[in-house]
Amino acid sequence: ENDRARFKKFLGLTILGGVVFLGCQAYEWTHLLGERLPGLGISFSNSLFATTFFVLTGFHGLHVTGGVIYNACVLAAVNRGRYEAKHVEIAGLYWHFVDLVWILIFTFVYLL
């Protein structure tokens, strides 16, 4: 029972982290779209960089949203007592894949 409580706590923190990430991404998007990237003279309609940026981060955001929803479903199932290890493993593998993709996006888009 102690492991179940810890699992629920950490899965809840994972969901919270995903929601915070999506909030930060929404803030960044609204800021960039509102400013139209003035320092770089880039607008969404005529820039390969801007198009690539919004497509990459947008698809990643959609995948994070899917992960948050799936993790919330797993948490709800655990709360109802319907714990299945395969669902937890699938959620973990998916979430780690999304994390790995974010590390690549962050490295190539934000750092380089």
PDB file of N, CA and C in Angstrom:
ATOM      1  N   GLU A   1       0.832  -1.200   0.000  1.00  0.00           N
ATOM      2  CA  GLU A   1       0.000   0.000   0.000  1.00  0.00           C
ATOM      3  C   GLU A   1       0.868   1.253   0.000  1.00  0.00           C
ATOM      4  N   ASN A   2       2.013   1.186   0.669  1.00  0.00           N
ATOM      5  CA  ASN A   2       2.923   2.325   0.706  1.00  0.00           C
ATOM      6  C   ASN A   2       3.459   2.628  -0.687  1.00  0.00           C
ATOM      7  N   ASP A   3       3.756   1.572  -1.458  1.00  0.00           N
ATOM      8  CA  ASP A   3       4.234   1.774  -2.824  1.00  0.00           C
ATOM      9  C   ASP A   3       3.152   2.396  -3.695  1.00  0.00           C
ATOM     10  N   ARG A   4       1.919   2.020  -3.486  1.00  0.00           N
ATOM     11  CA  ARG A   4       0.804   2.594  -4.259  1.00  0.00           C
ATOM     12  C   ARG A   4       0.674   4.090  -3.953  1.00  0.00           C
ATOM     13  N   ALA A   5       0.825   4.465  -2.705  1.00  0.00           N
ATOM     14  CA  ALA A   5       0.737   5.880  -2.323  1.00  0.00           C
ATOM     15  C   ALA A   5       1.882   6.672  -2.956  1.00  0.00           C
ATOM     16  N   ARG A   6       3.077   6.109  -2.923  1.00  0.00           N
ATOM     17  CA  ARG A   6       4.222   6.786  -3.555  1.00  0.00           C
ATOM     18  C   ARG A   6       4.022   6.886  -5.060  1.00  0.00           C
ATOM     19  N   PHE A   7       3.514   5.817  -5.665  1.00  0.00           N
ATOM     20  CA  PHE A   7       3.265   5.818  -7.103  1.00  0.00           C
ATOM     21  C   PHE A   7       2.279   6.924  -7.468  1.00  0.00           C
ATOM     22  N   LYS A   8       1.201   7.025  -6.720  1.00  0.00           N
ATOM     23  CA  LYS A   8       0.190   8.042  -6.997  1.00  0.00           C
ATOM     24  C   LYS A   8       0.774   9.443  -6.826  1.00  0.00           C
ATOM     25  N   LYS A   9       1.603   9.613  -5.803  1.00  0.00           N
ATOM     26  CA  LYS A   9       2.226  10.914  -5.568  1.00  0.00           C
ATOM     27  C   LYS A   9       3.125  11.308  -6.741  1.00  0.00           C
ATOM     28  N   PHE A  10       3.991  10.402  -7.166  1.00  0.00           N
ATOM     29  CA  PHE A  10       4.932  10.725  -8.235  1.00  0.00           C
ATOM     30  C   PHE A  10       4.253  10.814  -9.603  1.00  0.00           C
ATOM     31  N   LEU A  11       3.228  10.017  -9.833  1.00  0.00           N
ATOM     32  CA  LEU A  11       2.493  10.144 -11.086  1.00  0.00           C
ATOM     33  C   LEU A  11       1.751  11.482 -11.115  1.00  0.00           C
ATOM     34  N   GLY A  12       1.221  11.900  -9.994  1.00  0.00           N
ATOM     35  CA  GLY A  12       0.586  13.218  -9.906  1.00  0.00           C
ATOM     36  C   GLY A  12       1.583  14.338 -10.170  1.00  0.00           C
ATOM     37  N   LEU A  13       2.791  14.205  -9.634  1.00  0.00           N
ATOM     38  CA  LEU A  13       3.827  15.202  -9.903  1.00  0.00           C
ATOM     39  C   LEU A  13       4.230  15.205 -11.383  1.00  0.00           C
ATOM     40  N   THR A  14       4.245  14.039 -11.996  1.00  0.00           N
ATOM     41  CA  THR A  14       4.543  13.950 -13.427  1.00  0.00           C
ATOM     42  C   THR A  14       3.479  14.675 -14.242  1.00  0.00           C
ATOM     43  N   ILE A  15       2.229  14.442 -13.896  1.00  0.00           N
ATOM     44  CA  ILE A  15       1.123  15.124 -14.579  1.00  0.00           C
ATOM     45  C   ILE A  15       1.247  16.630 -14.386  1.00  0.00           C
ATOM     46  N   LEU A  16       1.521  17.052 -13.164  1.00  0.00           N
ATOM     47  CA  LEU A  16       1.690  18.477 -12.876  1.00  0.00           C
ATOM     48  C   LEU A  16       2.835  19.060 -13.707  1.00  0.00           C
ATOM     49  N   GLY A  17       3.942  18.330 -13.791  1.00  0.00           N
ATOM     50  CA  GLY A  17       5.073  18.794 -14.611  1.00  0.00           C
ATOM     51  C   GLY A  17       4.694  18.957 -16.073  1.00  0.00           C
ATOM     52  N   GLY A  18       3.904  18.029 -16.583  1.00  0.00           N
ATOM     53  CA  GLY A  18       3.445  18.128 -17.967  1.00  0.00           C
ATOM     54  C   GLY A  18       2.548  19.330 -18.176  1.00  0.00           C
ATOM     55  N   VAL A  19       1.662  19.584 -17.228  1.00  0.00           N
ATOM     56  CA  VAL A  19       0.755  20.732 -17.337  1.00  0.00           C
ATOM     57  C   VAL A  19       1.543  22.041 -17.247  1.00  0.00           C
ATOM     58  N   VAL A  20       2.524  22.097 -16.358  1.00  0.00           N
ATOM     59  CA  VAL A  20       3.371  23.291 -16.252  1.00  0.00           C
ATOM     60  C   VAL A  20       4.142  23.510 -17.550  1.00  0.00           C
ATOM     61  N   PHE A  21       4.693  22.442 -18.125  1.00  0.00           N
ATOM     62  CA  PHE A  21       5.392  22.549 -19.410  1.00  0.00           C
ATOM     63  C   PHE A  21       4.468  23.117 -20.478  1.00  0.00           C
ATOM     64  N   LEU A  22       3.246  22.591 -20.563  1.00  0.00           N
ATOM     65  CA  LEU A  22       2.294  23.080 -21.563  1.00  0.00           C
ATOM     66  C   LEU A  22       1.948  24.544 -21.325  1.00  0.00           C
ATOM     67  N   GLY A  23       1.827  24.946 -20.081  1.00  0.00           N
ATOM     68  CA  GLY A  23       1.585  26.352 -19.766  1.00  0.00           C
ATOM     69  C   GLY A  23       2.733  27.239 -20.210  1.00  0.00           C
ATOM     70  N   CYS A  24       3.967  26.786 -19.963  1.00  0.00           N
ATOM     71  CA  CYS A  24       5.143  27.543 -20.406  1.00  0.00           C
ATOM     72  C   CYS A  24       5.191  27.621 -21.929  1.00  0.00           C
ATOM     73  N   GLN A  25       4.861  26.527 -22.586  1.00  0.00           N
ATOM     74  CA  GLN A  25       4.856  26.528 -24.046  1.00  0.00           C
ATOM     75  C   GLN A  25       3.775  27.468 -24.577  1.00  0.00           C
ATOM     76  N   ALA A  26       2.616  27.481 -23.968  1.00  0.00           N
ATOM     77  CA  ALA A  26       1.543  28.387 -24.395  1.00  0.00           C
ATOM     78  C   ALA A  26       1.973  29.839 -24.198  1.00  0.00           C
ATOM     79  N   TYR A  27       2.631  30.125 -23.084  1.00  0.00           N
ATOM     80  CA  TYR A  27       3.133  31.481 -22.841  1.00  0.00           C
ATOM     81  C   TYR A  27       4.147  31.871 -23.904  1.00  0.00           C
ATOM     82  N   GLU A  28       5.077  30.977 -24.191  1.00  0.00           N
ATOM     83  CA  GLU A  28       6.102  31.258 -25.199  1.00  0.00           C
ATOM     84  C   GLU A  28       5.475  31.506 -26.567  1.00  0.00           C
ATOM     85  N   TRP A  29       4.532  30.651 -26.952  1.00  0.00           N
ATOM     86  CA  TRP A  29       3.867  30.803 -28.251  1.00  0.00           C
ATOM     87  C   TRP A  29       3.128  32.137 -28.340  1.00  0.00           C
ATOM     88  N   THR A  30       2.360  32.476 -27.313  1.00  0.00           N
ATOM     89  CA  THR A  30       1.609  33.731 -27.379  1.00  0.00           C
ATOM     90  C   THR A  30       2.557  34.917 -27.416  1.00  0.00           C
ATOM     91  N   HIS A  31       3.650  34.838 -26.674  1.00  0.00           N
ATOM     92  CA  HIS A  31       4.638  35.913 -26.685  1.00  0.00           C
ATOM     93  C   HIS A  31       5.288  36.041 -28.066  1.00  0.00           C
ATOM     94  N   LEU A  32       5.726  34.919 -28.624  1.00  0.00           N
ATOM     95  CA  LEU A  32       6.386  34.966 -29.935  1.00  0.00           C
ATOM     96  C   LEU A  32       5.418  35.381 -31.041  1.00  0.00           C
ATOM     97  N   LEU A  33       4.219  34.858 -31.017  1.00  0.00           N
ATOM     98  CA  LEU A  33       3.243  35.241 -32.042  1.00  0.00           C
ATOM     99  C   LEU A  33       2.821  36.698 -31.886  1.00  0.00           C
ATOM    100  N   GLY A  34       2.730  37.165 -30.645  1.00  0.00           N
ATOM    101  CA  GLY A  34       2.370  38.557 -30.399  1.00  0.00           C
ATOM    102  C   GLY A  34       3.464  39.517 -30.817  1.00  0.00           C
ATOM    103  N   GLU A  35       4.679  39.109 -30.607  1.00  0.00           N
ATOM    104  CA  GLU A  35       5.821  39.954 -30.952  1.00  0.00           C
ATOM    105  C   GLU A  35       6.277  39.754 -32.387  1.00  0.00           C
ATOM    106  N   ARG A  36       5.869  38.652 -32.988  1.00  0.00           N
ATOM    107  CA  ARG A  36       6.276  38.289 -34.352  1.00  0.00           C
ATOM    108  C   ARG A  36       7.796  38.236 -34.495  1.00  0.00           C
ATOM    109  N   LEU A  37       8.474  37.861 -33.430  1.00  0.00           N
ATOM    110  CA  LEU A  37       9.930  37.736 -33.427  1.00  0.00           C
ATOM    111  C   LEU A  37      10.602  38.978 -34.026  1.00  0.00           C
ATOM    112  N   PRO A  38      10.345  40.176 -33.459  1.00  0.00           N
ATOM    113  CA  PRO A  38      10.796  41.402 -34.105  1.00  0.00           C
ATOM    114  C   PRO A  38      12.304  41.555 -34.175  1.00  0.00           C
ATOM    115  N   GLY A  39      13.016  41.069 -33.180  1.00  0.00           N
ATOM    116  CA  GLY A  39      14.467  41.219 -33.189  1.00  0.00           C
ATOM    117  C   GLY A  39      15.128  40.501 -34.347  1.00  0.00           C
ATOM    118  N   LEU A  40      14.478  39.472 -34.829  1.00  0.00           N
ATOM    119  CA  LEU A  40      15.035  38.700 -35.932  1.00  0.00           C
ATOM    120  C   LEU A  40      14.374  39.050 -37.263  1.00  0.00           C
ATOM    121  N   GLY A  41      13.358  39.885 -37.225  1.00  0.00           N
ATOM    122  CA  GLY A  41      12.640  40.217 -38.452  1.00  0.00           C
ATOM    123  C   GLY A  41      11.923  39.011 -39.043  1.00  0.00           C
ATOM    124  N   ILE A  42      11.463  38.128 -38.174  1.00  0.00           N
ATOM    125  CA  ILE A  42      10.852  36.879 -38.622  1.00  0.00           C
ATOM    126  C   ILE A  42       9.356  36.928 -38.357  1.00  0.00           C
ATOM    127  N   SER A  43       8.583  36.551 -39.333  1.00  0.00           N
ATOM    128  CA  SER A  43       7.166  36.334 -39.101  1.00  0.00           C
ATOM    129  C   SER A  43       6.854  34.890 -39.467  1.00  0.00           C
ATOM    130  N   PHE A  44       5.765  34.389 -38.932  1.00  0.00           N
ATOM    131  CA  PHE A  44       5.409  32.990 -39.123  1.00  0.00           C
ATOM    132  C   PHE A  44       5.184  32.643 -40.592  1.00  0.00           C
ATOM    133  N   SER A  45       4.681  33.578 -41.351  1.00  0.00           N
ATOM    134  CA  SER A  45       4.275  33.261 -42.726  1.00  0.00           C
ATOM    135  C   SER A  45       5.429  33.190 -43.717  1.00  0.00           C
ATOM    136  N   ASN A  46       6.559  33.820 -43.428  1.00  0.00           N
ATOM    137  CA  ASN A  46       7.621  33.857 -44.435  1.00  0.00           C
ATOM    138  C   ASN A  46       8.968  33.349 -43.943  1.00  0.00           C
ATOM    139  N   SER A  47       8.995  32.600 -42.876  1.00  0.00           N
ATOM    140  CA  SER A  47      10.262  32.161 -42.314  1.00  0.00           C
ATOM    141  C   SER A  47      10.288  30.648 -42.127  1.00  0.00           C
ATOM    142  N   LEU A  48      11.296  30.023 -42.707  1.00  0.00           N
ATOM    143  CA  LEU A  48      11.468  28.589 -42.524  1.00  0.00           C
ATOM    144  C   LEU A  48      11.750  28.267 -41.058  1.00  0.00           C
ATOM    145  N   PHE A  49      12.556  29.118 -40.399  1.00  0.00           N
ATOM    146  CA  PHE A  49      12.850  28.892 -38.990  1.00  0.00           C
ATOM    147  C   PHE A  49      11.577  28.937 -38.151  1.00  0.00           C
ATOM    148  N   ALA A  50      10.779  29.987 -38.338  1.00  0.00           N
ATOM    149  CA  ALA A  50       9.566  30.130 -37.534  1.00  0.00           C
ATOM    150  C   ALA A  50       8.608  28.970 -37.790  1.00  0.00           C
ATOM    151  N   THR A  51       8.452  28.601 -39.054  1.00  0.00           N
ATOM    152  CA  THR A  51       7.569  27.484 -39.383  1.00  0.00           C
ATOM    153  C   THR A  51       8.058  26.202 -38.731  1.00  0.00           C
ATOM    154  N   THR A  52       9.351  25.925 -38.860  1.00  0.00           N
ATOM    155  CA  THR A  52       9.935  24.722 -38.268  1.00  0.00           C
ATOM    156  C   THR A  52       9.787  24.751 -36.751  1.00  0.00           C
ATOM    157  N   PHE A  53      10.061  25.898 -36.143  1.00  0.00           N
ATOM    158  CA  PHE A  53       9.952  26.044 -34.692  1.00  0.00           C
ATOM    159  C   PHE A  53       8.544  25.720 -34.209  1.00  0.00           C
ATOM    160  N   PHE A  54       7.545  26.347 -34.838  1.00  0.00           N
ATOM    161  CA  PHE A  54       6.171  26.150 -34.382  1.00  0.00           C
ATOM    162  C   PHE A  54       5.675  24.736 -34.667  1.00  0.00           C
ATOM    163  N   VAL A  55       6.094  24.143 -35.776  1.00  0.00           N
ATOM    164  CA  VAL A  55       5.683  22.764 -36.069  1.00  0.00           C
ATOM    165  C   VAL A  55       6.326  21.799 -35.077  1.00  0.00           C
ATOM    166  N   LEU A  56       7.627  21.929 -34.845  1.00  0.00           N
ATOM    167  CA  LEU A  56       8.310  21.027 -33.903  1.00  0.00           C
ATOM    168  C   LEU A  56       7.750  21.151 -32.494  1.00  0.00           C
ATOM    169  N   THR A  57       7.667  22.374 -32.002  1.00  0.00           N
ATOM    170  CA  THR A  57       7.189  22.545 -30.630  1.00  0.00           C
ATOM    171  C   THR A  57       5.696  22.258 -30.515  1.00  0.00           C
ATOM    172  N   GLY A  58       4.952  22.519 -31.594  1.00  0.00           N
ATOM    173  CA  GLY A  58       3.518  22.222 -31.580  1.00  0.00           C
ATOM    174  C   GLY A  58       3.227  20.736 -31.518  1.00  0.00           C
ATOM    175  N   PHE A  59       3.915  19.965 -32.369  1.00  0.00           N
ATOM    176  CA  PHE A  59       3.718  18.515 -32.329  1.00  0.00           C
ATOM    177  C   PHE A  59       4.192  17.945 -31.003  1.00  0.00           C
ATOM    178  N   HIS A  60       5.285  18.490 -30.479  1.00  0.00           N
ATOM    179  CA  HIS A  60       5.752  18.011 -29.182  1.00  0.00           C
ATOM    180  C   HIS A  60       4.712  18.318 -28.104  1.00  0.00           C
ATOM    181  N   GLY A  61       4.152  19.522 -28.156  1.00  0.00           N
ATOM    182  CA  GLY A  61       3.108  19.884 -27.194  1.00  0.00           C
ATOM    183  C   GLY A  61       1.899  18.970 -27.280  1.00  0.00           C
ATOM    184  N   LEU A  62       1.522  18.592 -28.496  1.00  0.00           N
ATOM    185  CA  LEU A  62       0.407  17.644 -28.653  1.00  0.00           C
ATOM    186  C   LEU A  62       0.738  16.294 -28.024  1.00  0.00           C
ATOM    187  N   HIS A  63       1.977  15.853 -28.187  1.00  0.00           N
ATOM    188  CA  HIS A  63       2.372  14.572 -27.599  1.00  0.00           C
ATOM    189  C   HIS A  63       2.440  14.654 -26.070  1.00  0.00           C
ATOM    190  N   VAL A  64       2.891  15.798 -25.548  1.00  0.00           N
ATOM    191  CA  VAL A  64       2.879  15.978 -24.096  1.00  0.00           C
ATOM    192  C   VAL A  64       1.436  15.958 -23.587  1.00  0.00           C
ATOM    193  N   THR A  65       0.546  16.614 -24.309  1.00  0.00           N
ATOM    194  CA  THR A  65      -0.876  16.614 -23.933  1.00  0.00           C
ATOM    195  C   THR A  65      -1.415  15.182 -23.888  1.00  0.00           C
ATOM    196  N   GLY A  66      -1.078  14.398 -24.904  1.00  0.00           N
ATOM    197  CA  GLY A  66      -1.498  12.993 -24.915  1.00  0.00           C
ATOM    198  C   GLY A  66      -0.936  12.223 -23.730  1.00  0.00           C
ATOM    199  N   GLY A  67       0.322  12.491 -23.397  1.00  0.00           N
ATOM    200  CA  GLY A  67       0.931  11.831 -22.250  1.00  0.00           C
ATOM    201  C   GLY A  67       0.285  12.227 -20.932  1.00  0.00           C
ATOM    202  N   VAL A  68      -0.039  13.501 -20.803  1.00  0.00           N
ATOM    203  CA  VAL A  68      -0.718  13.971 -19.582  1.00  0.00           C
ATOM    204  C   VAL A  68      -2.087  13.295 -19.452  1.00  0.00           C
ATOM    205  N   ILE A  69      -2.813  13.225 -20.548  1.00  0.00           N
ATOM    206  CA  ILE A  69      -4.142  12.589 -20.515  1.00  0.00           C
ATOM    207  C   ILE A  69      -4.017  11.105 -20.170  1.00  0.00           C
ATOM    208  N   TYR A  70      -3.071  10.413 -20.812  1.00  0.00           N
ATOM    209  CA  TYR A  70      -2.907   8.984 -20.534  1.00  0.00           C
ATOM    210  C   TYR A  70      -2.469   8.757 -19.083  1.00  0.00           C
ATOM    211  N   ASN A  71      -1.530   9.572 -18.604  1.00  0.00           N
ATOM    212  CA  ASN A  71      -1.092   9.441 -17.212  1.00  0.00           C
ATOM    213  C   ASN A  71      -2.238   9.719 -16.251  1.00  0.00           C
ATOM    214  N   ALA A  72      -3.097  10.682 -16.590  1.00  0.00           N
ATOM    215  CA  ALA A  72      -4.263  10.967 -15.738  1.00  0.00           C
ATOM    216  C   ALA A  72      -5.219   9.770 -15.729  1.00  0.00           C
ATOM    217  N   CYS A  73      -5.368   9.111 -16.871  1.00  0.00           N
ATOM    218  CA  CYS A  73      -6.216   7.912 -16.934  1.00  0.00           C
ATOM    219  C   CYS A  73      -5.627   6.783 -16.092  1.00  0.00           C
ATOM    220  N   VAL A  74      -4.311   6.613 -16.146  1.00  0.00           N
ATOM    221  CA  VAL A  74      -3.649   5.591 -15.325  1.00  0.00           C
ATOM    222  C   VAL A  74      -3.844   5.915 -13.847  1.00  0.00           C
ATOM    223  N   LEU A  75      -3.678   7.192 -13.490  1.00  0.00           N
ATOM    224  CA  LEU A  75      -3.861   7.594 -12.091  1.00  0.00           C
ATOM    225  C   LEU A  75      -5.299   7.347 -11.633  1.00  0.00           C
ATOM    226  N   ALA A  76      -6.247   7.657 -12.493  1.00  0.00           N
ATOM    227  CA  ALA A  76      -7.650   7.409 -12.151  1.00  0.00           C
ATOM    228  C   ALA A  76      -7.904   5.916 -11.963  1.00  0.00           C
ATOM    229  N   ALA A  77      -7.318   5.085 -12.816  1.00  0.00           N
ATOM    230  CA  ALA A  77      -7.486   3.633 -12.689  1.00  0.00           C
ATOM    231  C   ALA A  77      -6.873   3.128 -11.387  1.00  0.00           C
ATOM    232  N   VAL A  78      -5.714   3.662 -11.019  1.00  0.00           N
ATOM    233  CA  VAL A  78      -5.076   3.253  -9.766  1.00  0.00           C
ATOM    234  C   VAL A  78      -5.942   3.678  -8.583  1.00  0.00           C
ATOM    235  N   ASN A  79      -6.516   4.871  -8.663  1.00  0.00           N
ATOM    236  CA  ASN A  79      -7.389   5.339  -7.576  1.00  0.00           C
ATOM    237  C   ASN A  79      -8.636   4.470  -7.427  1.00  0.00           C
ATOM    238  N   ARG A  80      -9.107   3.880  -8.530  1.00  0.00           N
ATOM    239  CA  ARG A  80     -10.269   2.982  -8.480  1.00  0.00           C
ATOM    240  C   ARG A  80      -9.874   1.553  -8.128  1.00  0.00           C
ATOM    241  N   GLY A  81      -8.576   1.306  -7.969  1.00  0.00           N
ATOM    242  CA  GLY A  81      -8.114  -0.029  -7.618  1.00  0.00           C
ATOM    243  C   GLY A  81      -7.890  -0.942  -8.805  1.00  0.00           C
ATOM    244  N   ARG A  82      -7.858  -0.399  -9.982  1.00  0.00           N
ATOM    245  CA  ARG A  82      -7.642  -1.197 -11.200  1.00  0.00           C
ATOM    246  C   ARG A  82      -6.214  -1.007 -11.713  1.00  0.00           C
ATOM    247  N   TYR A  83      -5.290  -1.359 -10.892  1.00  0.00           N
ATOM    248  CA  TYR A  83      -3.876  -1.197 -11.226  1.00  0.00           C
ATOM    249  C   TYR A  83      -3.437  -2.305 -12.172  1.00  0.00           C
ATOM    250  N   GLU A  84      -2.913  -1.914 -13.324  1.00  0.00           N
ATOM    251  CA  GLU A  84      -2.340  -2.889 -14.248  1.00  0.00           C
ATOM    252  C   GLU A  84      -0.940  -2.427 -14.619  1.00  0.00           C
ATOM    253  N   ALA A  85       0.023  -3.288 -14.361  1.00  0.00           N
ATOM    254  CA  ALA A  85       1.421  -2.926 -14.585  1.00  0.00           C
ATOM    255  C   ALA A  85       1.704  -2.573 -16.037  1.00  0.00           C
ATOM    256  N   LYS A  86       1.026  -3.225 -16.988  1.00  0.00           N
ATOM    257  CA  LYS A  86       1.318  -2.953 -18.396  1.00  0.00           C
ATOM    258  C   LYS A  86       0.943  -1.522 -18.772  1.00  0.00           C
ATOM    259  N   HIS A  87      -0.134  -0.982 -18.192  1.00  0.00           N
ATOM    260  CA  HIS A  87      -0.506   0.401 -18.488  1.00  0.00           C
ATOM    261  C   HIS A  87       0.510   1.383 -17.927  1.00  0.00           C
ATOM    262  N   VAL A  88       1.032   1.073 -16.759  1.00  0.00           N
ATOM    263  CA  VAL A  88       2.055   1.919 -16.155  1.00  0.00           C
ATOM    264  C   VAL A  88       3.330   1.868 -16.992  1.00  0.00           C
ATOM    265  N   GLU A  89       3.688   0.690 -17.452  1.00  0.00           N
ATOM    266  CA  GLU A  89       4.891   0.553 -18.273  1.00  0.00           C
ATOM    267  C   GLU A  89       4.743   1.292 -19.595  1.00  0.00           C
ATOM    268  N   ILE A  90       3.583   1.195 -20.218  1.00  0.00           N
ATOM    269  CA  ILE A  90       3.336   1.910 -21.476  1.00  0.00           C
ATOM    270  C   ILE A  90       3.434   3.416 -21.240  1.00  0.00           C
ATOM    271  N   ALA A  91       2.819   3.892 -20.172  1.00  0.00           N
ATOM    272  CA  ALA A  91       2.864   5.324 -19.856  1.00  0.00           C
ATOM    273  C   ALA A  91       4.301   5.778 -19.619  1.00  0.00           C
ATOM    274  N   GLY A  92       5.062   4.964 -18.901  1.00  0.00           N
ATOM    275  CA  GLY A  92       6.451   5.318 -18.622  1.00  0.00           C
ATOM    276  C   GLY A  92       7.308   5.356 -19.875  1.00  0.00           C
ATOM    277  N   LEU A  93       7.149   4.350 -20.729  1.00  0.00           N
ATOM    278  CA  LEU A  93       7.918   4.331 -21.980  1.00  0.00           C
ATOM    279  C   LEU A  93       7.561   5.522 -22.863  1.00  0.00           C
ATOM    280  N   TYR A  94       6.276   5.811 -22.974  1.00  0.00           N
ATOM    281  CA  TYR A  94       5.838   6.935 -23.793  1.00  0.00           C
ATOM    282  C   TYR A  94       6.396   8.246 -23.234  1.00  0.00           C
ATOM    283  N   TRP A  95       6.271   8.441 -21.919  1.00  0.00           N
ATOM    284  CA  TRP A  95       6.722   9.678 -21.305  1.00  0.00           C
ATOM    285  C   TRP A  95       8.232   9.858 -21.462  1.00  0.00           C
ATOM    286  N   HIS A  96       8.990   8.789 -21.313  1.00  0.00           N
ATOM    287  CA  HIS A  96      10.444   8.881 -21.489  1.00  0.00           C
ATOM    288  C   HIS A  96      10.797   9.202 -22.937  1.00  0.00           C
ATOM    289  N   PHE A  97      10.065   8.646 -23.878  1.00  0.00           N
ATOM    290  CA  PHE A  97      10.295   8.971 -25.287  1.00  0.00           C
ATOM    291  C   PHE A  97      10.026  10.448 -25.543  1.00  0.00           C
ATOM    292  N   VAL A  98       8.922  10.963 -25.004  1.00  0.00           N
ATOM    293  CA  VAL A  98       8.607  12.384 -25.178  1.00  0.00           C
ATOM    294  C   VAL A  98       9.690  13.249 -24.535  1.00  0.00           C
ATOM    295  N   ASP A  99      10.211  12.841 -23.383  1.00  0.00           N
ATOM    296  CA  ASP A  99      11.324  13.557 -22.745  1.00  0.00           C
ATOM    297  C   ASP A  99      12.557  13.569 -23.633  1.00  0.00           C
ATOM    298  N   LEU A 100      12.884  12.417 -24.193  1.00  0.00           N
ATOM    299  CA  LEU A 100      14.051  12.328 -25.068  1.00  0.00           C
ATOM    300  C   LEU A 100      13.903  13.249 -26.281  1.00  0.00           C
ATOM    301  N   VAL A 101      12.729  13.256 -26.870  1.00  0.00           N
ATOM    302  CA  VAL A 101      12.477  14.140 -28.011  1.00  0.00           C
ATOM    303  C   VAL A 101      12.640  15.596 -27.582  1.00  0.00           C
ATOM    304  N   TRP A 102      12.151  15.950 -26.379  1.00  0.00           N
ATOM    305  CA  TRP A 102      12.296  17.328 -25.919  1.00  0.00           C
ATOM    306  C   TRP A 102      13.766  17.702 -25.746  1.00  0.00           C
ATOM    307  N   ILE A 103      14.574  16.796 -25.240  1.00  0.00           N
ATOM    308  CA  ILE A 103      16.006  17.079 -25.092  1.00  0.00           C
ATOM    309  C   ILE A 103      16.612  17.393 -26.455  1.00  0.00           C
ATOM    310  N   LEU A 104      16.241  16.637 -27.475  1.00  0.00           N
ATOM    311  CA  LEU A 104      16.751  16.894 -28.826  1.00  0.00           C
ATOM    312  C   LEU A 104      16.239  18.232 -29.373  1.00  0.00           C
ATOM    313  N   ILE A 105      14.947  18.482 -29.221  1.00  0.00           N
ATOM    314  CA  ILE A 105      14.384  19.754 -29.700  1.00  0.00           C
ATOM    315  C   ILE A 105      15.051  20.919 -28.980  1.00  0.00           C
ATOM    316  N   PHE A 106      15.164  20.827 -27.680  1.00  0.00           N
ATOM    317  CA  PHE A 106      15.758  21.910 -26.908  1.00  0.00           C
ATOM    318  C   PHE A 106      17.199  22.160 -27.339  1.00  0.00           C
ATOM    319  N   THR A 107      17.945  21.087 -27.532  1.00  0.00           N
ATOM    320  CA  THR A 107      19.345  21.230 -27.933  1.00  0.00           C
ATOM    321  C   THR A 107      19.474  21.890 -29.293  1.00  0.00           C
ATOM    322  N   PHE A 108      18.731  21.412 -30.270  1.00  0.00           N
ATOM    323  CA  PHE A 108      18.908  21.899 -31.636  1.00  0.00           C
ATOM    324  C   PHE A 108      18.180  23.208 -31.929  1.00  0.00           C
ATOM    325  N   VAL A 109      17.117  23.499 -31.225  1.00  0.00           N
ATOM    326  CA  VAL A 109      16.364  24.727 -31.510  1.00  0.00           C
ATOM    327  C   VAL A 109      16.771  25.865 -30.578  1.00  0.00           C
ATOM    328  N   TYR A 110      16.959  25.576 -29.291  1.00  0.00           N
ATOM    329  CA  TYR A 110      17.221  26.637 -28.332  1.00  0.00           C
ATOM    330  C   TYR A 110      18.707  26.876 -28.081  1.00  0.00           C
ATOM    331  N   LEU A 111      19.515  25.843 -28.123  1.00  0.00           N
ATOM    332  CA  LEU A 111      20.924  26.006 -27.763  1.00  0.00           C
ATOM    333  C   LEU A 111      21.859  26.220 -28.953  1.00  0.00           C
ATOM    334  N   LEU A 112      21.557  25.615 -30.080  1.00  0.00           N
ATOM    335  CA  LEU A 112      22.474  25.732 -31.224  1.00  0.00           C
ATOM    336  C   LEU A 112      22.091  26.837 -32.164  1.00  0.00           C
TER     337      LEU A 112
END
